[in-house]
Amino acid sequence: MTDGITTANAVIECILSRSATKYFDPAATLSDEQIRELVRIGTTAPTSFHLQNWRFIAVRTPEAKARLRPIAWNQPAITEAAVTFIVCGVLADSSVVPERLAPLVEAGIMPANMVPEWEIPARDLYMKYPQRQRDEAVRTGTFGAAAMIYAARSLGLGSTPMIGFDAEAVHREFGLAENEVPVMLLSVGPERPGNWAQKPRRPVADVLDLV
């Protein structure tokens, strides 16, 4: 126990032991149901105004991997990992807020008269600001990918996020919509021997200010 935070905790241990996977087992696969479960977990991550403005393309067949690898800097993980997700953020659009909040109202979590209290500030924040819309797309995709990374670790799978790809080519080759931003690639799958342990991090004192 350290100041109320225990490292003898499965979630914390999962986070502290995770490292980027370099070597995947190329013979291993994940079922479509396992892939869906990873995405389901990823989509429990937070999003601004509950926009849930993301999409995940699971590149898992040999044919799809062969299309992705040349436009992803020819990185071996693309073809060796069981699946590589193209993590897409969708430009923030305040007009979808009522639709996204409707299930909360139906479940009795949010009163219906609160919906405009979310929609109006969302409109003010994003409607006239393209850069904010894009920034939010990147944040959203990153939150979702992070949740999937730790979920994969908890399931005994390796993962590695990658930004080495031709965004325009990925957009074109995999039919992304005009309002979708390819935020990162995330390869996931069983590992083979040879991967490093987690690399040492900078001291907390170098990155934290207590004010």
N, C-alpha and C. Protein backbone atom coordinates (compact mmCIF):
# COMPACT_ATOMS: atom_id res chain seq x y z
N MET A 1 0.85 -1.20 0.00
CA MET A 1 0.00 0.00 0.00
C MET A 1 0.88 1.24 0.00
N THR A 2 0.64 2.17 -0.93
CA THR A 2 1.39 3.42 -0.99
C THR A 2 0.42 4.58 -1.06
N ASP A 3 0.30 5.31 0.06
CA ASP A 3 -0.61 6.46 0.12
C ASP A 3 -1.99 6.11 -0.41
N GLY A 4 -2.50 4.96 -0.04
CA GLY A 4 -3.86 4.60 -0.41
C GLY A 4 -4.00 3.95 -1.77
N ILE A 5 -2.91 3.82 -2.53
CA ILE A 5 -2.97 3.17 -3.84
C ILE A 5 -2.20 1.87 -3.76
N THR A 6 -2.87 0.79 -4.00
CA THR A 6 -2.21 -0.51 -3.91
C THR A 6 -1.80 -1.00 -5.29
N THR A 7 -0.59 -1.53 -5.37
CA THR A 7 -0.15 -2.11 -6.64
C THR A 7 -0.57 -3.57 -6.72
N ALA A 8 -1.09 -4.13 -5.58
CA ALA A 8 -1.62 -5.49 -5.61
C ALA A 8 -3.06 -5.46 -6.10
N ASN A 9 -3.25 -4.88 -7.26
CA ASN A 9 -4.56 -4.68 -7.86
C ASN A 9 -4.46 -5.10 -9.32
N ALA A 10 -5.39 -5.92 -9.77
CA ALA A 10 -5.27 -6.49 -11.11
C ALA A 10 -5.25 -5.43 -12.20
N VAL A 11 -6.06 -4.39 -12.05
CA VAL A 11 -6.10 -3.34 -13.07
C VAL A 11 -4.79 -2.58 -13.10
N ILE A 12 -4.32 -2.18 -11.92
CA ILE A 12 -3.08 -1.42 -11.86
C ILE A 12 -1.91 -2.26 -12.35
N GLU A 13 -1.88 -3.52 -11.95
CA GLU A 13 -0.81 -4.40 -12.40
C GLU A 13 -0.82 -4.56 -13.91
N CYS A 14 -2.00 -4.62 -14.50
CA CYS A 14 -2.13 -4.71 -15.95
C CYS A 14 -1.52 -3.48 -16.62
N ILE A 15 -1.80 -2.32 -16.07
CA ILE A 15 -1.26 -1.07 -16.63
C ILE A 15 0.25 -1.02 -16.47
N LEU A 16 0.74 -1.37 -15.27
CA LEU A 16 2.16 -1.24 -14.98
C LEU A 16 3.01 -2.26 -15.73
N SER A 17 2.41 -3.39 -16.12
CA SER A 17 3.18 -4.44 -16.79
C SER A 17 3.08 -4.39 -18.31
N ARG A 18 2.24 -3.53 -18.85
CA ARG A 18 2.05 -3.47 -20.30
C ARG A 18 3.28 -2.88 -20.99
N SER A 19 3.60 -3.41 -22.12
CA SER A 19 4.64 -2.83 -22.97
C SER A 19 4.22 -3.01 -24.43
N ALA A 20 4.79 -2.20 -25.30
CA ALA A 20 4.45 -2.31 -26.72
C ALA A 20 5.02 -3.61 -27.28
N THR A 21 4.19 -4.36 -27.96
CA THR A 21 4.60 -5.65 -28.52
C THR A 21 5.28 -5.46 -29.86
N LYS A 22 6.46 -6.03 -29.98
CA LYS A 22 7.18 -6.01 -31.26
C LYS A 22 7.00 -7.32 -32.01
N TYR A 23 6.93 -8.41 -31.26
CA TYR A 23 6.87 -9.73 -31.87
C TYR A 23 5.53 -10.41 -31.57
N PHE A 24 4.71 -10.56 -32.60
CA PHE A 24 3.44 -11.26 -32.49
C PHE A 24 3.58 -12.67 -33.05
N ASP A 25 2.70 -13.54 -32.61
CA ASP A 25 2.64 -14.90 -33.15
C ASP A 25 1.86 -14.84 -34.47
N PRO A 26 2.54 -15.00 -35.61
CA PRO A 26 1.85 -14.83 -36.90
C PRO A 26 0.84 -15.93 -37.20
N ALA A 27 0.89 -17.04 -36.46
CA ALA A 27 -0.04 -18.14 -36.70
C ALA A 27 -1.33 -17.99 -35.89
N ALA A 28 -1.34 -17.05 -34.95
CA ALA A 28 -2.48 -16.91 -34.06
C ALA A 28 -3.57 -16.04 -34.68
N THR A 29 -4.79 -16.31 -34.28
CA THR A 29 -5.92 -15.51 -34.75
C THR A 29 -6.80 -15.14 -33.55
N LEU A 30 -7.67 -14.18 -33.77
CA LEU A 30 -8.73 -13.84 -32.81
C LEU A 30 -10.06 -14.04 -33.52
N SER A 31 -11.03 -14.52 -32.80
CA SER A 31 -12.35 -14.68 -33.40
C SER A 31 -13.02 -13.32 -33.57
N ASP A 32 -14.01 -13.27 -34.43
CA ASP A 32 -14.76 -12.03 -34.59
C ASP A 32 -15.39 -11.61 -33.27
N GLU A 33 -15.81 -12.57 -32.46
CA GLU A 33 -16.42 -12.25 -31.17
C GLU A 33 -15.40 -11.63 -30.23
N GLN A 34 -14.16 -12.12 -30.25
CA GLN A 34 -13.11 -11.52 -29.42
C GLN A 34 -12.81 -10.09 -29.89
N ILE A 35 -12.82 -9.89 -31.19
CA ILE A 35 -12.59 -8.55 -31.74
C ILE A 35 -13.71 -7.61 -31.33
N ARG A 36 -14.95 -8.09 -31.42
CA ARG A 36 -16.09 -7.27 -31.01
C ARG A 36 -16.00 -6.90 -29.52
N GLU A 37 -15.56 -7.85 -28.71
CA GLU A 37 -15.47 -7.59 -27.27
C GLU A 37 -14.42 -6.53 -26.97
N LEU A 38 -13.30 -6.55 -27.66
CA LEU A 38 -12.28 -5.52 -27.47
C LEU A 38 -12.85 -4.14 -27.82
N VAL A 39 -13.60 -4.07 -28.91
CA VAL A 39 -14.18 -2.79 -29.31
C VAL A 39 -15.27 -2.37 -28.32
N ARG A 40 -16.06 -3.32 -27.86
CA ARG A 40 -17.09 -2.99 -26.87
C ARG A 40 -16.46 -2.36 -25.63
N ILE A 41 -15.36 -2.94 -25.17
CA ILE A 41 -14.66 -2.39 -24.01
C ILE A 41 -14.09 -1.01 -24.35
N GLY A 42 -13.51 -0.88 -25.54
CA GLY A 42 -12.94 0.41 -25.94
C GLY A 42 -13.97 1.51 -25.95
N THR A 43 -15.19 1.18 -26.34
CA THR A 43 -16.21 2.21 -26.45
C THR A 43 -16.87 2.56 -25.12
N THR A 44 -16.36 2.01 -24.02
CA THR A 44 -16.78 2.50 -22.71
C THR A 44 -15.92 3.67 -22.25
N ALA A 45 -14.90 4.01 -23.02
CA ALA A 45 -14.04 5.16 -22.69
C ALA A 45 -14.84 6.45 -22.80
N PRO A 46 -14.38 7.52 -22.13
CA PRO A 46 -15.14 8.77 -22.15
C PRO A 46 -15.08 9.48 -23.50
N THR A 47 -16.17 10.18 -23.83
CA THR A 47 -16.19 11.06 -24.99
C THR A 47 -16.91 12.35 -24.61
N SER A 48 -16.55 13.42 -25.27
CA SER A 48 -17.14 14.73 -24.99
C SER A 48 -18.64 14.72 -25.28
N PHE A 49 -19.44 15.15 -24.33
CA PHE A 49 -20.90 15.22 -24.48
C PHE A 49 -21.51 13.87 -24.89
N HIS A 50 -20.82 12.80 -24.59
CA HIS A 50 -21.28 11.45 -24.93
C HIS A 50 -21.45 11.28 -26.46
N LEU A 51 -20.61 11.97 -27.22
CA LEU A 51 -20.70 11.92 -28.68
C LEU A 51 -20.40 10.54 -29.24
N GLN A 52 -19.50 9.80 -28.58
CA GLN A 52 -19.10 8.48 -29.07
C GLN A 52 -18.67 8.55 -30.53
N ASN A 53 -17.88 9.54 -30.83
CA ASN A 53 -17.51 9.84 -32.22
C ASN A 53 -16.25 9.07 -32.63
N TRP A 54 -16.45 7.76 -32.82
CA TRP A 54 -15.36 6.90 -33.23
C TRP A 54 -15.87 5.78 -34.13
N ARG A 55 -14.92 5.15 -34.84
CA ARG A 55 -15.21 3.95 -35.61
C ARG A 55 -13.93 3.13 -35.66
N PHE A 56 -14.07 1.81 -35.68
CA PHE A 56 -12.92 0.92 -35.65
C PHE A 56 -13.02 -0.04 -36.84
N ILE A 57 -11.98 -0.08 -37.65
CA ILE A 57 -11.92 -1.01 -38.77
C ILE A 57 -10.95 -2.11 -38.39
N ALA A 58 -11.45 -3.34 -38.27
CA ALA A 58 -10.63 -4.47 -37.85
C ALA A 58 -10.02 -5.15 -39.07
N VAL A 59 -8.76 -4.91 -39.30
CA VAL A 59 -8.05 -5.50 -40.44
C VAL A 59 -7.52 -6.86 -39.98
N ARG A 60 -8.19 -7.94 -40.40
CA ARG A 60 -7.88 -9.26 -39.85
C ARG A 60 -7.68 -10.34 -40.90
N THR A 61 -8.11 -10.14 -42.14
CA THR A 61 -7.92 -11.16 -43.17
C THR A 61 -6.58 -10.93 -43.87
N PRO A 62 -6.00 -11.99 -44.43
CA PRO A 62 -4.73 -11.81 -45.16
C PRO A 62 -4.84 -10.78 -46.28
N GLU A 63 -5.99 -10.76 -46.95
CA GLU A 63 -6.16 -9.81 -48.06
C GLU A 63 -6.15 -8.36 -47.56
N ALA A 64 -6.87 -8.11 -46.46
CA ALA A 64 -6.92 -6.76 -45.92
C ALA A 64 -5.57 -6.34 -45.34
N LYS A 65 -4.87 -7.27 -44.70
CA LYS A 65 -3.54 -6.96 -44.17
C LYS A 65 -2.58 -6.61 -45.30
N ALA A 66 -2.70 -7.33 -46.42
CA ALA A 66 -1.83 -7.05 -47.57
C ALA A 66 -2.10 -5.67 -48.16
N ARG A 67 -3.32 -5.19 -48.03
CA ARG A 67 -3.64 -3.83 -48.47
C ARG A 67 -3.10 -2.77 -47.53
N LEU A 68 -3.11 -3.10 -46.24
CA LEU A 68 -2.70 -2.10 -45.25
C LEU A 68 -1.19 -1.99 -45.10
N ARG A 69 -0.49 -3.11 -45.14
CA ARG A 69 0.94 -3.06 -44.81
C ARG A 69 1.74 -2.09 -45.67
N PRO A 70 1.58 -2.06 -46.99
CA PRO A 70 2.40 -1.14 -47.79
C PRO A 70 2.17 0.34 -47.46
N ILE A 71 0.98 0.67 -46.97
CA ILE A 71 0.69 2.08 -46.66
C ILE A 71 0.86 2.35 -45.17
N ALA A 72 1.44 1.37 -44.47
CA ALA A 72 1.73 1.53 -43.05
C ALA A 72 3.21 1.28 -42.80
N TRP A 73 4.02 1.89 -43.68
CA TRP A 73 5.48 1.83 -43.55
C TRP A 73 6.01 0.39 -43.53
N ASN A 74 5.24 -0.52 -44.09
CA ASN A 74 5.66 -1.93 -44.19
C ASN A 74 6.00 -2.53 -42.83
N GLN A 75 5.30 -2.12 -41.80
CA GLN A 75 5.59 -2.60 -40.45
C GLN A 75 5.12 -4.06 -40.30
N PRO A 76 5.98 -4.93 -39.78
CA PRO A 76 5.64 -6.35 -39.69
C PRO A 76 4.39 -6.64 -38.86
N ALA A 77 4.11 -5.81 -37.85
CA ALA A 77 2.95 -6.07 -37.00
C ALA A 77 1.66 -6.13 -37.80
N ILE A 78 1.60 -5.43 -38.91
CA ILE A 78 0.36 -5.40 -39.69
C ILE A 78 -0.03 -6.79 -40.16
N THR A 79 0.94 -7.56 -40.60
CA THR A 79 0.63 -8.90 -41.10
C THR A 79 0.84 -9.98 -40.04
N GLU A 80 1.63 -9.71 -39.01
CA GLU A 80 1.91 -10.74 -38.01
C GLU A 80 0.89 -10.76 -36.88
N ALA A 81 0.36 -9.61 -36.50
CA ALA A 81 -0.63 -9.57 -35.42
C ALA A 81 -1.95 -10.16 -35.91
N ALA A 82 -2.72 -10.68 -34.96
CA ALA A 82 -4.01 -11.27 -35.33
C ALA A 82 -4.92 -10.25 -35.98
N VAL A 83 -4.91 -9.02 -35.48
CA VAL A 83 -5.76 -7.96 -36.02
C VAL A 83 -5.08 -6.62 -35.83
N THR A 84 -5.27 -5.74 -36.78
CA THR A 84 -4.84 -4.35 -36.62
C THR A 84 -6.07 -3.47 -36.81
N PHE A 85 -6.37 -2.71 -35.79
CA PHE A 85 -7.50 -1.79 -35.85
C PHE A 85 -7.05 -0.47 -36.46
N ILE A 86 -7.82 0.01 -37.43
CA ILE A 86 -7.69 1.40 -37.85
C ILE A 86 -8.64 2.18 -36.95
N VAL A 87 -8.06 2.93 -36.03
CA VAL A 87 -8.86 3.67 -35.05
C VAL A 87 -9.21 5.03 -35.65
N CYS A 88 -10.50 5.25 -35.87
CA CYS A 88 -10.96 6.47 -36.51
C CYS A 88 -11.71 7.34 -35.52
N GLY A 89 -11.38 8.61 -35.49
CA GLY A 89 -12.19 9.58 -34.77
C GLY A 89 -13.07 10.31 -35.76
N VAL A 90 -14.28 10.62 -35.36
CA VAL A 90 -15.23 11.33 -36.22
C VAL A 90 -15.27 12.79 -35.77
N LEU A 91 -15.21 13.71 -36.73
CA LEU A 91 -15.26 15.12 -36.38
C LEU A 91 -16.45 15.41 -35.48
N ALA A 92 -16.21 16.13 -34.40
CA ALA A 92 -17.26 16.40 -33.42
C ALA A 92 -18.42 17.14 -34.06
N ASP A 93 -19.63 16.61 -33.90
CA ASP A 93 -20.84 17.17 -34.52
C ASP A 93 -21.92 17.27 -33.45
N SER A 94 -22.22 18.48 -33.03
CA SER A 94 -23.18 18.67 -31.93
C SER A 94 -24.59 18.24 -32.30
N SER A 95 -24.90 18.14 -33.59
CA SER A 95 -26.26 17.81 -34.00
C SER A 95 -26.67 16.38 -33.59
N VAL A 96 -25.67 15.52 -33.29
CA VAL A 96 -26.01 14.14 -32.92
C VAL A 96 -26.22 13.98 -31.42
N VAL A 97 -26.02 15.05 -30.66
CA VAL A 97 -26.12 14.94 -29.20
C VAL A 97 -27.48 14.37 -28.75
N PRO A 98 -28.64 14.89 -29.24
CA PRO A 98 -29.91 14.31 -28.79
C PRO A 98 -30.02 12.81 -29.05
N GLU A 99 -29.57 12.38 -30.22
CA GLU A 99 -29.61 10.95 -30.56
C GLU A 99 -28.73 10.14 -29.62
N ARG A 100 -27.54 10.65 -29.32
CA ARG A 100 -26.62 9.92 -28.44
C ARG A 100 -27.13 9.87 -27.00
N LEU A 101 -27.86 10.90 -26.59
CA LEU A 101 -28.34 10.96 -25.21
C LEU A 101 -29.67 10.24 -25.02
N ALA A 102 -30.36 9.94 -26.12
CA ALA A 102 -31.68 9.31 -26.01
C ALA A 102 -31.67 8.03 -25.17
N PRO A 103 -30.67 7.14 -25.33
CA PRO A 103 -30.67 5.94 -24.48
C PRO A 103 -30.53 6.25 -23.00
N LEU A 104 -29.83 7.35 -22.66
CA LEU A 104 -29.70 7.74 -21.26
C LEU A 104 -31.05 8.17 -20.70
N VAL A 105 -31.81 8.90 -21.52
CA VAL A 105 -33.14 9.35 -21.10
C VAL A 105 -34.06 8.14 -20.94
N GLU A 106 -34.01 7.23 -21.92
CA GLU A 106 -34.87 6.04 -21.87
C GLU A 106 -34.55 5.16 -20.67
N ALA A 107 -33.28 5.14 -20.26
CA ALA A 107 -32.87 4.31 -19.13
C ALA A 107 -33.11 5.00 -17.78
N GLY A 108 -33.56 6.24 -17.83
CA GLY A 108 -33.81 6.96 -16.59
C GLY A 108 -32.56 7.53 -15.95
N ILE A 109 -31.47 7.56 -16.70
CA ILE A 109 -30.22 8.11 -16.17
C ILE A 109 -30.22 9.64 -16.24
N MET A 110 -30.78 10.17 -17.31
CA MET A 110 -30.79 11.62 -17.55
C MET A 110 -32.23 12.08 -17.79
N PRO A 111 -32.66 13.16 -17.15
CA PRO A 111 -33.99 13.69 -17.45
C PRO A 111 -34.00 14.32 -18.84
N ALA A 112 -35.10 14.20 -19.54
CA ALA A 112 -35.19 14.70 -20.91
C ALA A 112 -34.92 16.19 -21.01
N ASN A 113 -35.32 16.94 -19.99
CA ASN A 113 -35.13 18.39 -20.06
C ASN A 113 -33.67 18.81 -19.92
N MET A 114 -32.78 17.84 -19.63
CA MET A 114 -31.35 18.16 -19.53
C MET A 114 -30.65 18.07 -20.87
N VAL A 115 -31.27 17.43 -21.86
CA VAL A 115 -30.61 17.24 -23.16
C VAL A 115 -30.19 18.56 -23.79
N PRO A 116 -31.05 19.59 -23.84
CA PRO A 116 -30.60 20.86 -24.41
C PRO A 116 -29.45 21.48 -23.63
N GLU A 117 -29.33 21.18 -22.36
CA GLU A 117 -28.24 21.71 -21.56
C GLU A 117 -26.90 21.14 -21.98
N TRP A 118 -26.94 20.02 -22.69
CA TRP A 118 -25.73 19.45 -23.27
C TRP A 118 -25.57 19.85 -24.73
N GLU A 119 -26.66 19.86 -25.46
CA GLU A 119 -26.58 20.13 -26.89
C GLU A 119 -26.13 21.57 -27.17
N ILE A 120 -26.67 22.51 -26.44
CA ILE A 120 -26.36 23.92 -26.72
C ILE A 120 -24.88 24.23 -26.49
N PRO A 121 -24.29 23.87 -25.34
CA PRO A 121 -22.86 24.14 -25.20
C PRO A 121 -21.99 23.36 -26.18
N ALA A 122 -22.43 22.15 -26.56
CA ALA A 122 -21.68 21.39 -27.56
C ALA A 122 -21.68 22.13 -28.90
N ARG A 123 -22.83 22.68 -29.25
CA ARG A 123 -22.92 23.45 -30.50
C ARG A 123 -22.00 24.67 -30.44
N ASP A 124 -22.02 25.36 -29.30
CA ASP A 124 -21.17 26.55 -29.15
C ASP A 124 -19.69 26.19 -29.21
N LEU A 125 -19.37 25.03 -28.68
CA LEU A 125 -17.96 24.62 -28.62
C LEU A 125 -17.42 24.19 -29.97
N TYR A 126 -18.24 23.50 -30.78
CA TYR A 126 -17.72 22.85 -31.98
C TYR A 126 -18.20 23.41 -33.32
N MET A 127 -19.42 23.90 -33.39
CA MET A 127 -20.04 24.13 -34.70
C MET A 127 -19.19 24.99 -35.63
N LYS A 128 -18.65 26.07 -35.13
CA LYS A 128 -17.92 27.01 -35.98
C LYS A 128 -16.41 26.85 -35.89
N TYR A 129 -15.97 25.74 -35.31
CA TYR A 129 -14.54 25.59 -35.03
C TYR A 129 -14.01 24.26 -35.56
N PRO A 130 -13.62 24.21 -36.83
CA PRO A 130 -13.14 22.96 -37.43
C PRO A 130 -11.96 22.34 -36.68
N GLN A 131 -11.05 23.16 -36.17
CA GLN A 131 -9.90 22.60 -35.47
C GLN A 131 -10.33 21.89 -34.19
N ARG A 132 -11.30 22.46 -33.49
CA ARG A 132 -11.81 21.81 -32.28
C ARG A 132 -12.51 20.50 -32.63
N GLN A 133 -13.21 20.48 -33.76
CA GLN A 133 -13.88 19.25 -34.19
C GLN A 133 -12.85 18.15 -34.42
N ARG A 134 -11.75 18.52 -35.07
CA ARG A 134 -10.71 17.53 -35.37
C ARG A 134 -9.96 17.12 -34.10
N ASP A 135 -9.66 18.10 -33.25
CA ASP A 135 -8.98 17.79 -31.99
C ASP A 135 -9.80 16.78 -31.18
N GLU A 136 -11.12 16.98 -31.17
CA GLU A 136 -11.97 16.07 -30.41
C GLU A 136 -11.99 14.69 -31.03
N ALA A 137 -11.94 14.61 -32.35
CA ALA A 137 -11.88 13.31 -33.02
C ALA A 137 -10.62 12.55 -32.60
N VAL A 138 -9.51 13.25 -32.53
CA VAL A 138 -8.25 12.61 -32.15
C VAL A 138 -8.29 12.19 -30.68
N ARG A 139 -8.81 13.06 -29.82
CA ARG A 139 -8.92 12.69 -28.40
C ARG A 139 -9.79 11.45 -28.23
N THR A 140 -10.93 11.44 -28.90
CA THR A 140 -11.87 10.33 -28.77
C THR A 140 -11.24 9.02 -29.22
N GLY A 141 -10.62 9.02 -30.38
CA GLY A 141 -9.98 7.80 -30.87
C GLY A 141 -8.89 7.32 -29.94
N THR A 142 -8.15 8.26 -29.36
CA THR A 142 -7.06 7.90 -28.45
C THR A 142 -7.59 7.28 -27.16
N PHE A 143 -8.66 7.86 -26.61
CA PHE A 143 -9.26 7.28 -25.41
C PHE A 143 -9.71 5.84 -25.67
N GLY A 144 -10.38 5.63 -26.80
CA GLY A 144 -10.86 4.29 -27.12
C GLY A 144 -9.73 3.31 -27.30
N ALA A 145 -8.68 3.72 -28.00
CA ALA A 145 -7.54 2.84 -28.23
C ALA A 145 -6.85 2.48 -26.92
N ALA A 146 -6.73 3.46 -26.00
CA ALA A 146 -6.08 3.19 -24.72
C ALA A 146 -6.84 2.13 -23.93
N ALA A 147 -8.17 2.24 -23.92
CA ALA A 147 -8.96 1.23 -23.21
C ALA A 147 -8.75 -0.15 -23.83
N MET A 148 -8.65 -0.22 -25.14
CA MET A 148 -8.44 -1.50 -25.81
C MET A 148 -7.05 -2.07 -25.51
N ILE A 149 -6.06 -1.20 -25.39
CA ILE A 149 -4.70 -1.64 -25.08
C ILE A 149 -4.66 -2.38 -23.75
N TYR A 150 -5.30 -1.78 -22.74
CA TYR A 150 -5.26 -2.40 -21.41
C TYR A 150 -6.21 -3.59 -21.32
N ALA A 151 -7.30 -3.56 -22.06
CA ALA A 151 -8.18 -4.73 -22.13
C ALA A 151 -7.42 -5.90 -22.75
N ALA A 152 -6.68 -5.63 -23.82
CA ALA A 152 -5.90 -6.69 -24.47
C ALA A 152 -4.90 -7.28 -23.49
N ARG A 153 -4.23 -6.43 -22.74
CA ARG A 153 -3.24 -6.90 -21.77
C ARG A 153 -3.91 -7.80 -20.73
N SER A 154 -5.08 -7.40 -20.27
CA SER A 154 -5.77 -8.18 -19.25
C SER A 154 -6.20 -9.55 -19.77
N LEU A 155 -6.34 -9.66 -21.09
CA LEU A 155 -6.74 -10.91 -21.72
C LEU A 155 -5.54 -11.74 -22.18
N GLY A 156 -4.34 -11.28 -21.81
CA GLY A 156 -3.13 -12.01 -22.17
C GLY A 156 -2.66 -11.77 -23.59
N LEU A 157 -3.11 -10.68 -24.18
CA LEU A 157 -2.74 -10.34 -25.56
C LEU A 157 -1.77 -9.18 -25.58
N GLY A 158 -0.92 -9.17 -26.59
CA GLY A 158 -0.03 -8.04 -26.80
C GLY A 158 -0.69 -7.00 -27.69
N SER A 159 -0.16 -5.80 -27.66
CA SER A 159 -0.68 -4.74 -28.53
C SER A 159 0.41 -3.72 -28.78
N THR A 160 0.27 -3.02 -29.88
CA THR A 160 1.17 -1.91 -30.14
C THR A 160 0.45 -0.85 -30.97
N PRO A 161 0.41 0.40 -30.48
CA PRO A 161 -0.17 1.50 -31.26
C PRO A 161 0.87 2.05 -32.23
N MET A 162 0.43 2.46 -33.41
CA MET A 162 1.36 2.93 -34.44
C MET A 162 0.80 4.17 -35.14
N ILE A 163 1.66 5.15 -35.32
CA ILE A 163 1.28 6.33 -36.11
C ILE A 163 2.02 6.38 -37.44
N GLY A 164 2.79 5.32 -37.72
CA GLY A 164 3.53 5.27 -38.97
C GLY A 164 2.68 4.73 -40.11
N PHE A 165 1.92 5.62 -40.75
CA PHE A 165 1.12 5.21 -41.90
C PHE A 165 0.78 6.43 -42.73
N ASP A 166 0.43 6.20 -43.96
CA ASP A 166 0.02 7.25 -44.88
C ASP A 166 -1.48 7.49 -44.67
N ALA A 167 -1.81 8.56 -43.97
CA ALA A 167 -3.20 8.81 -43.60
C ALA A 167 -4.10 8.94 -44.82
N GLU A 168 -3.64 9.63 -45.85
CA GLU A 168 -4.47 9.80 -47.05
C GLU A 168 -4.71 8.46 -47.74
N ALA A 169 -3.67 7.63 -47.79
CA ALA A 169 -3.82 6.33 -48.44
C ALA A 169 -4.75 5.42 -47.63
N VAL A 170 -4.65 5.45 -46.31
CA VAL A 170 -5.55 4.66 -45.47
C VAL A 170 -6.98 5.14 -45.66
N HIS A 171 -7.15 6.44 -45.70
CA HIS A 171 -8.47 7.04 -45.91
C HIS A 171 -9.09 6.53 -47.20
N ARG A 172 -8.28 6.50 -48.24
CA ARG A 172 -8.76 6.12 -49.56
C ARG A 172 -8.95 4.60 -49.67
N GLU A 173 -7.96 3.84 -49.21
CA GLU A 173 -7.98 2.38 -49.40
C GLU A 173 -9.08 1.70 -48.59
N PHE A 174 -9.41 2.27 -47.42
CA PHE A 174 -10.39 1.62 -46.56
C PHE A 174 -11.70 2.40 -46.47
N GLY A 175 -11.90 3.33 -47.38
CA GLY A 175 -13.20 3.97 -47.55
C GLY A 175 -13.67 4.78 -46.36
N LEU A 176 -12.77 5.51 -45.72
CA LEU A 176 -13.18 6.36 -44.61
C LEU A 176 -14.07 7.48 -45.13
N ALA A 177 -15.01 7.90 -44.31
CA ALA A 177 -15.88 9.01 -44.67
C ALA A 177 -15.11 10.33 -44.56
N GLU A 178 -15.65 11.35 -45.19
CA GLU A 178 -14.98 12.65 -45.19
C GLU A 178 -14.77 13.19 -43.78
N ASN A 179 -15.68 12.85 -42.87
CA ASN A 179 -15.58 13.39 -41.51
C ASN A 179 -14.83 12.47 -40.55
N GLU A 180 -14.15 11.45 -41.11
CA GLU A 180 -13.41 10.52 -40.26
C GLU A 180 -11.91 10.76 -40.36
N VAL A 181 -11.25 10.71 -39.21
CA VAL A 181 -9.81 10.94 -39.11
C VAL A 181 -9.14 9.63 -38.66
N PRO A 182 -8.20 9.07 -39.44
CA PRO A 182 -7.49 7.89 -38.97
C PRO A 182 -6.48 8.31 -37.90
N VAL A 183 -6.80 8.02 -36.65
CA VAL A 183 -6.01 8.52 -35.52
C VAL A 183 -4.75 7.70 -35.32
N MET A 184 -4.89 6.39 -35.36
CA MET A 184 -3.74 5.50 -35.18
C MET A 184 -4.11 4.11 -35.65
N LEU A 185 -3.09 3.27 -35.79
CA LEU A 185 -3.28 1.85 -35.98
C LEU A 185 -2.98 1.17 -34.65
N LEU A 186 -3.73 0.12 -34.35
CA LEU A 186 -3.51 -0.62 -33.11
C LEU A 186 -3.50 -2.11 -33.42
N SER A 187 -2.31 -2.70 -33.39
CA SER A 187 -2.19 -4.13 -33.63
C SER A 187 -2.36 -4.89 -32.32
N VAL A 188 -3.12 -5.98 -32.37
CA VAL A 188 -3.42 -6.78 -31.18
C VAL A 188 -3.33 -8.26 -31.54
N GLY A 189 -2.78 -9.04 -30.61
CA GLY A 189 -2.76 -10.49 -30.83
C GLY A 189 -1.86 -11.19 -29.84
N PRO A 190 -1.89 -12.52 -29.83
CA PRO A 190 -0.95 -13.28 -29.00
C PRO A 190 0.49 -12.97 -29.40
N GLU A 191 1.36 -12.96 -28.39
CA GLU A 191 2.76 -12.62 -28.61
C GLU A 191 3.60 -13.88 -28.84
N ARG A 192 4.77 -13.68 -29.39
CA ARG A 192 5.78 -14.73 -29.38
C ARG A 192 6.96 -14.23 -28.54
N PRO A 193 7.87 -15.10 -28.15
CA PRO A 193 8.96 -14.70 -27.26
C PRO A 193 9.84 -13.59 -27.86
N GLY A 194 10.48 -12.84 -26.96
CA GLY A 194 11.44 -11.83 -27.38
C GLY A 194 11.03 -10.40 -27.13
N ASN A 195 9.80 -10.20 -26.66
CA ASN A 195 9.36 -8.83 -26.39
C ASN A 195 9.98 -8.29 -25.10
N TRP A 196 10.20 -6.98 -25.09
CA TRP A 196 10.79 -6.33 -23.92
C TRP A 196 9.76 -6.18 -22.80
N ALA A 197 10.27 -6.08 -21.58
CA ALA A 197 9.44 -5.65 -20.47
C ALA A 197 9.16 -4.15 -20.64
N GLN A 198 8.28 -3.61 -19.81
CA GLN A 198 7.98 -2.19 -19.93
C GLN A 198 9.25 -1.36 -19.69
N LYS A 199 9.47 -0.38 -20.54
CA LYS A 199 10.65 0.47 -20.45
C LYS A 199 10.53 1.42 -19.25
N PRO A 200 11.64 1.72 -18.57
CA PRO A 200 11.58 2.66 -17.46
C PRO A 200 11.05 4.02 -17.90
N ARG A 201 10.33 4.66 -17.01
CA ARG A 201 9.73 5.96 -17.28
C ARG A 201 10.48 7.07 -16.54
N ARG A 202 10.28 8.29 -16.98
CA ARG A 202 10.86 9.44 -16.29
C ARG A 202 10.30 9.51 -14.87
N PRO A 203 11.07 10.03 -13.93
CA PRO A 203 10.58 10.15 -12.56
C PRO A 203 9.34 11.05 -12.50
N VAL A 204 8.42 10.69 -11.61
CA VAL A 204 7.20 11.49 -11.44
C VAL A 204 7.54 12.93 -11.12
N ALA A 205 8.60 13.15 -10.36
CA ALA A 205 8.99 14.51 -9.98
C ALA A 205 9.31 15.37 -11.21
N ASP A 206 9.70 14.74 -12.31
CA ASP A 206 10.03 15.49 -13.53
C ASP A 206 8.81 15.87 -14.33
N VAL A 207 7.68 15.23 -14.07
CA VAL A 207 6.50 15.46 -14.92
C VAL A 207 5.28 15.96 -14.14
N LEU A 208 5.40 16.08 -12.82
CA LEU A 208 4.25 16.47 -12.00
C LEU A 208 4.55 17.74 -11.22
N ASP A 209 3.62 18.68 -11.29
CA ASP A 209 3.63 19.87 -10.43
C ASP A 209 2.42 19.80 -9.52
N LEU A 210 2.64 19.90 -8.24
CA LEU A 210 1.56 19.95 -7.26
C LEU A 210 1.34 21.41 -6.89
N VAL A 211 0.17 21.94 -7.18
CA VAL A 211 -0.06 23.38 -6.96
C VAL A 211 -1.26 23.59 -6.02
